[in-house]
């Protein structure tokens, strides 16, 4: 049985490379064991190791705040996304400075 999964998508904001996190899912019989948090911490460390600078997600701020995510003013996800749920994380200090605009499809 698969217990938990996490997925990242490469996107761009203002021409900058961003990892879009989501979904994170834990099988109902395994929830409450810390698997989701483990996947988030470990995957952020791996993204940093691979040279990524910033991560974006759409989610519940009180939950994701404990991982270091905060609201990203000026970063726009396609409708009907609630702007209050657009959160970002800096893998490199200052990586989100000046990065605003619409989230766009990754084009190599």
N, C-alpha and C. Protein backbone atom coordinates (compact mmCIF):
# COMPACT_ATOMS: atom_id res chain seq x y z
N UNK A 1 0.84 -1.18 0.00
CA UNK A 1 0.00 0.00 0.00
C UNK A 1 0.89 1.25 0.00
N UNK A 2 0.54 2.18 -0.82
CA UNK A 2 1.22 3.48 -0.84
C UNK A 2 0.71 4.30 0.33
N UNK A 3 1.62 4.79 1.18
CA UNK A 3 1.21 5.51 2.40
C UNK A 3 1.07 7.00 2.19
N UNK A 4 1.98 7.61 1.39
CA UNK A 4 1.94 9.06 1.21
C UNK A 4 2.69 9.44 -0.07
N UNK A 5 2.28 10.56 -0.66
CA UNK A 5 2.93 11.06 -1.88
C UNK A 5 3.03 12.58 -1.83
N UNK A 6 4.01 13.08 -2.57
CA UNK A 6 4.16 14.53 -2.73
C UNK A 6 4.58 14.76 -4.17
N UNK A 7 4.17 15.88 -4.71
CA UNK A 7 4.51 16.19 -6.10
C UNK A 7 4.90 17.65 -6.22
N UNK A 8 5.87 17.90 -7.07
CA UNK A 8 6.31 19.25 -7.40
C UNK A 8 6.20 19.43 -8.90
N UNK A 9 5.88 20.64 -9.30
CA UNK A 9 5.75 21.00 -10.71
C UNK A 9 6.62 22.23 -10.98
N UNK A 10 7.43 22.22 -11.99
CA UNK A 10 8.17 23.45 -12.32
C UNK A 10 7.23 24.44 -13.02
N UNK A 11 7.25 25.68 -12.56
CA UNK A 11 6.47 26.76 -13.17
C UNK A 11 7.37 28.00 -13.23
N UNK A 12 6.83 29.08 -13.75
CA UNK A 12 7.55 30.35 -13.78
C UNK A 12 6.65 31.46 -13.24
N UNK A 13 7.29 32.40 -12.54
CA UNK A 13 6.63 33.63 -12.10
C UNK A 13 7.60 34.75 -12.47
N UNK A 14 7.12 35.69 -13.28
CA UNK A 14 7.97 36.80 -13.73
C UNK A 14 9.25 36.27 -14.38
N UNK A 15 9.13 35.18 -15.11
CA UNK A 15 10.28 34.60 -15.78
C UNK A 15 11.21 33.82 -14.89
N UNK A 16 10.94 33.79 -13.59
CA UNK A 16 11.81 33.08 -12.64
C UNK A 16 11.32 31.66 -12.43
N UNK A 17 12.23 30.75 -12.23
CA UNK A 17 11.90 29.35 -11.97
C UNK A 17 11.37 29.18 -10.55
N UNK A 18 10.27 28.47 -10.45
CA UNK A 18 9.62 28.22 -9.16
C UNK A 18 9.14 26.77 -9.15
N UNK A 19 9.25 26.13 -7.99
CA UNK A 19 8.66 24.81 -7.81
C UNK A 19 7.28 24.98 -7.20
N UNK A 20 6.28 24.44 -7.85
CA UNK A 20 4.91 24.46 -7.32
C UNK A 20 4.68 23.14 -6.60
N UNK A 21 4.43 23.20 -5.30
CA UNK A 21 4.24 22.01 -4.48
C UNK A 21 2.76 21.66 -4.45
N UNK A 22 2.48 20.41 -4.69
CA UNK A 22 1.12 19.92 -4.54
C UNK A 22 0.74 18.96 -5.65
N UNK A 23 0.03 17.97 -5.30
CA UNK A 23 -0.55 17.74 -3.98
C UNK A 23 0.39 16.99 -3.03
N UNK A 24 0.04 17.07 -1.76
CA UNK A 24 0.60 16.21 -0.71
C UNK A 24 -0.59 15.39 -0.24
N UNK A 25 -0.44 14.08 -0.25
CA UNK A 25 -1.56 13.23 0.16
C UNK A 25 -1.07 12.09 1.04
N UNK A 26 -1.83 11.79 2.07
CA UNK A 26 -1.52 10.69 2.98
C UNK A 26 -2.75 9.78 3.04
N UNK A 27 -2.52 8.50 2.90
CA UNK A 27 -3.62 7.54 2.97
C UNK A 27 -4.37 7.72 4.29
N UNK A 28 -5.70 7.68 4.26
CA UNK A 28 -6.49 7.90 5.48
C UNK A 28 -6.08 7.03 6.67
N UNK A 29 -5.64 5.81 6.41
CA UNK A 29 -5.26 4.93 7.52
C UNK A 29 -3.91 5.29 8.12
N UNK A 30 -3.16 6.21 7.48
CA UNK A 30 -1.83 6.60 7.95
C UNK A 30 -1.77 8.06 8.38
N UNK A 31 -2.90 8.77 8.31
CA UNK A 31 -2.90 10.18 8.71
C UNK A 31 -2.64 10.31 10.20
N UNK A 32 -1.98 11.40 10.56
CA UNK A 32 -1.66 11.64 11.96
C UNK A 32 -0.33 11.06 12.39
N UNK A 33 0.39 10.42 11.48
CA UNK A 33 1.68 9.81 11.80
C UNK A 33 2.86 10.72 11.45
N UNK A 34 2.58 11.87 10.85
CA UNK A 34 3.66 12.78 10.49
C UNK A 34 4.26 12.54 9.11
N UNK A 35 3.65 11.67 8.32
CA UNK A 35 4.19 11.37 7.00
C UNK A 35 4.17 12.57 6.06
N UNK A 36 3.09 13.34 6.08
CA UNK A 36 3.01 14.52 5.22
C UNK A 36 4.09 15.53 5.57
N UNK A 37 4.26 15.81 6.85
CA UNK A 37 5.30 16.73 7.29
C UNK A 37 6.68 16.24 6.92
N UNK A 38 6.91 14.95 7.09
CA UNK A 38 8.20 14.36 6.72
C UNK A 38 8.48 14.58 5.23
N UNK A 39 7.48 14.30 4.39
CA UNK A 39 7.66 14.49 2.94
C UNK A 39 7.95 15.95 2.61
N UNK A 40 7.27 16.86 3.26
CA UNK A 40 7.50 18.29 2.99
C UNK A 40 8.92 18.68 3.38
N UNK A 41 9.33 18.38 4.61
CA UNK A 41 10.68 18.74 5.06
C UNK A 41 11.75 18.12 4.17
N UNK A 42 11.63 16.84 3.90
CA UNK A 42 12.66 16.15 3.12
C UNK A 42 12.70 16.64 1.66
N UNK A 43 11.53 16.89 1.08
CA UNK A 43 11.51 17.34 -0.31
C UNK A 43 12.01 18.77 -0.44
N UNK A 44 11.76 19.62 0.55
CA UNK A 44 12.32 20.98 0.52
C UNK A 44 13.84 20.94 0.62
N UNK A 45 14.36 20.05 1.45
CA UNK A 45 15.81 19.90 1.57
C UNK A 45 16.41 19.42 0.25
N UNK A 46 15.73 18.50 -0.42
CA UNK A 46 16.22 17.99 -1.71
C UNK A 46 16.15 19.07 -2.78
N UNK A 47 15.07 19.87 -2.77
CA UNK A 47 14.96 20.97 -3.74
C UNK A 47 16.10 21.97 -3.54
N UNK A 48 16.42 22.25 -2.30
CA UNK A 48 17.54 23.16 -2.00
C UNK A 48 18.84 22.55 -2.51
N UNK A 49 19.05 21.28 -2.25
CA UNK A 49 20.26 20.60 -2.69
C UNK A 49 20.41 20.63 -4.21
N UNK A 50 19.26 20.56 -4.91
CA UNK A 50 19.27 20.58 -6.37
C UNK A 50 19.40 21.98 -6.96
N UNK A 51 19.41 23.01 -6.10
CA UNK A 51 19.64 24.36 -6.58
C UNK A 51 18.41 25.22 -6.81
N UNK A 52 17.25 24.75 -6.41
CA UNK A 52 16.05 25.57 -6.53
C UNK A 52 16.09 26.69 -5.49
N UNK A 53 15.46 27.81 -5.81
CA UNK A 53 15.50 28.97 -4.91
C UNK A 53 14.20 29.22 -4.19
N UNK A 54 13.07 28.86 -4.80
CA UNK A 54 11.77 29.21 -4.22
C UNK A 54 10.74 28.14 -4.53
N UNK A 55 9.76 28.04 -3.60
CA UNK A 55 8.67 27.06 -3.72
C UNK A 55 7.36 27.80 -3.51
N UNK A 56 6.34 27.39 -4.23
CA UNK A 56 5.01 27.99 -4.16
C UNK A 56 4.00 26.88 -3.92
N UNK A 57 2.93 27.19 -3.20
CA UNK A 57 1.83 26.25 -3.07
C UNK A 57 0.54 27.01 -2.81
N UNK A 58 -0.56 26.32 -2.98
CA UNK A 58 -1.87 26.85 -2.63
C UNK A 58 -2.36 25.99 -1.48
N UNK A 59 -2.54 26.61 -0.31
CA UNK A 59 -2.94 25.82 0.84
C UNK A 59 -3.33 26.65 2.04
N UNK A 60 -3.51 25.96 3.13
CA UNK A 60 -3.96 26.54 4.39
C UNK A 60 -2.76 27.13 5.14
N UNK A 61 -2.72 28.47 5.24
CA UNK A 61 -1.58 29.15 5.85
C UNK A 61 -1.26 28.66 7.26
N UNK A 62 -2.24 28.47 8.15
CA UNK A 62 -1.89 28.00 9.49
C UNK A 62 -1.16 26.65 9.49
N UNK A 63 -1.51 25.77 8.57
CA UNK A 63 -0.83 24.47 8.49
C UNK A 63 0.58 24.61 7.93
N UNK A 64 0.72 25.30 6.81
CA UNK A 64 2.02 25.38 6.12
C UNK A 64 2.99 26.38 6.76
N UNK A 65 2.51 27.24 7.62
CA UNK A 65 3.38 28.20 8.31
C UNK A 65 4.47 27.46 9.11
N UNK A 66 4.14 26.33 9.68
CA UNK A 66 5.11 25.59 10.50
C UNK A 66 6.30 25.08 9.68
N UNK A 67 6.14 25.04 8.37
CA UNK A 67 7.25 24.63 7.49
C UNK A 67 8.02 25.84 6.97
N UNK A 68 7.52 27.05 7.27
CA UNK A 68 8.19 28.27 6.82
C UNK A 68 7.52 28.98 5.66
N UNK A 69 6.35 28.50 5.23
CA UNK A 69 5.63 29.15 4.13
C UNK A 69 4.90 30.39 4.64
N UNK A 70 4.80 31.40 3.78
CA UNK A 70 4.03 32.60 4.12
C UNK A 70 3.34 33.11 2.86
N UNK A 71 2.36 33.96 3.06
CA UNK A 71 1.56 34.50 1.96
C UNK A 71 2.45 35.25 0.98
N UNK A 72 2.21 35.03 -0.32
CA UNK A 72 2.97 35.68 -1.38
C UNK A 72 2.08 36.73 -2.05
N UNK A 73 2.21 37.96 -1.59
CA UNK A 73 1.48 39.07 -2.20
C UNK A 73 1.98 39.26 -3.62
N UNK A 74 1.07 39.45 -4.54
CA UNK A 74 1.46 39.76 -5.91
C UNK A 74 1.73 38.56 -6.80
N UNK A 75 1.69 37.35 -6.25
CA UNK A 75 1.81 36.14 -7.06
C UNK A 75 0.40 35.66 -7.35
N UNK A 76 0.06 35.54 -8.62
CA UNK A 76 -1.32 35.29 -9.02
C UNK A 76 -1.46 33.90 -9.66
N UNK A 77 -2.27 33.06 -9.02
CA UNK A 77 -2.61 31.75 -9.56
C UNK A 77 -3.88 31.90 -10.39
N UNK A 78 -4.09 31.00 -11.35
CA UNK A 78 -5.32 31.09 -12.15
C UNK A 78 -6.57 30.98 -11.28
N UNK A 79 -7.66 31.67 -11.70
CA UNK A 79 -8.93 31.57 -10.97
C UNK A 79 -9.41 30.12 -10.98
N UNK A 80 -10.14 29.72 -9.99
CA UNK A 80 -10.72 30.48 -8.89
C UNK A 80 -9.87 30.46 -7.62
N UNK A 81 -8.55 30.46 -7.72
CA UNK A 81 -7.69 30.38 -6.54
C UNK A 81 -7.87 31.59 -5.64
N UNK A 82 -8.05 31.34 -4.35
CA UNK A 82 -8.14 32.39 -3.34
C UNK A 82 -6.73 32.94 -3.11
N UNK A 83 -6.49 34.24 -3.35
CA UNK A 83 -5.15 34.81 -3.19
C UNK A 83 -4.58 34.65 -1.78
N UNK A 84 -5.44 34.53 -0.77
CA UNK A 84 -4.96 34.35 0.60
C UNK A 84 -4.32 32.98 0.82
N UNK A 85 -4.54 32.06 -0.11
CA UNK A 85 -4.00 30.70 0.02
C UNK A 85 -2.74 30.49 -0.82
N UNK A 86 -2.26 31.54 -1.49
CA UNK A 86 -1.03 31.44 -2.29
C UNK A 86 0.14 31.71 -1.34
N UNK A 87 0.93 30.67 -1.10
CA UNK A 87 2.00 30.72 -0.12
C UNK A 87 3.34 30.41 -0.77
N UNK A 88 4.39 31.00 -0.25
CA UNK A 88 5.72 30.75 -0.79
C UNK A 88 6.73 30.44 0.29
N UNK A 89 7.83 29.84 -0.14
CA UNK A 89 8.92 29.45 0.75
C UNK A 89 10.23 29.77 0.05
N UNK A 90 11.16 30.35 0.78
CA UNK A 90 12.47 30.66 0.22
C UNK A 90 13.47 29.58 0.60
N UNK A 91 14.03 28.93 -0.41
CA UNK A 91 15.10 27.98 -0.19
C UNK A 91 16.43 28.71 -0.08
N UNK A 92 16.48 29.89 -0.68
CA UNK A 92 17.63 30.79 -0.59
C UNK A 92 17.08 32.12 -0.07
N UNK A 93 17.67 32.66 1.00
CA UNK A 93 17.16 33.93 1.54
C UNK A 93 17.06 35.02 0.47
N UNK A 94 15.90 35.69 0.44
CA UNK A 94 15.67 36.77 -0.51
C UNK A 94 15.21 36.31 -1.89
N UNK A 95 15.00 35.01 -2.07
CA UNK A 95 14.66 34.48 -3.40
C UNK A 95 13.34 34.99 -3.95
N UNK A 96 12.41 35.39 -3.08
CA UNK A 96 11.11 35.89 -3.55
C UNK A 96 11.10 37.40 -3.76
N UNK A 97 12.17 38.11 -3.39
CA UNK A 97 12.19 39.56 -3.54
C UNK A 97 12.00 39.95 -5.01
N UNK A 98 10.99 40.79 -5.25
CA UNK A 98 10.71 41.28 -6.60
C UNK A 98 10.06 40.28 -7.54
N UNK A 99 9.71 39.10 -7.04
CA UNK A 99 9.08 38.08 -7.89
C UNK A 99 7.58 38.17 -7.70
N UNK A 100 6.91 38.83 -8.63
CA UNK A 100 5.45 38.96 -8.61
C UNK A 100 4.93 38.75 -10.02
N UNK A 101 3.66 38.44 -10.11
CA UNK A 101 3.04 38.25 -11.41
C UNK A 101 2.28 36.95 -11.46
N UNK A 102 1.84 36.61 -12.65
CA UNK A 102 1.05 35.40 -12.84
C UNK A 102 1.94 34.17 -12.89
N UNK A 103 1.42 33.09 -12.31
CA UNK A 103 2.10 31.80 -12.41
C UNK A 103 1.87 31.30 -13.83
N UNK A 104 2.97 30.94 -14.48
CA UNK A 104 2.90 30.52 -15.88
C UNK A 104 3.44 29.09 -16.04
N UNK A 105 2.97 28.45 -17.07
CA UNK A 105 3.44 27.13 -17.43
C UNK A 105 4.94 27.15 -17.66
N UNK A 106 5.61 26.10 -17.24
CA UNK A 106 7.05 25.95 -17.45
C UNK A 106 7.31 25.74 -18.94
N UNK A 107 8.22 26.51 -19.45
CA UNK A 107 8.68 26.29 -20.83
C UNK A 107 10.19 26.24 -20.79
N UNK A 108 10.77 25.11 -21.18
CA UNK A 108 12.24 24.97 -21.12
C UNK A 108 12.96 25.96 -22.00
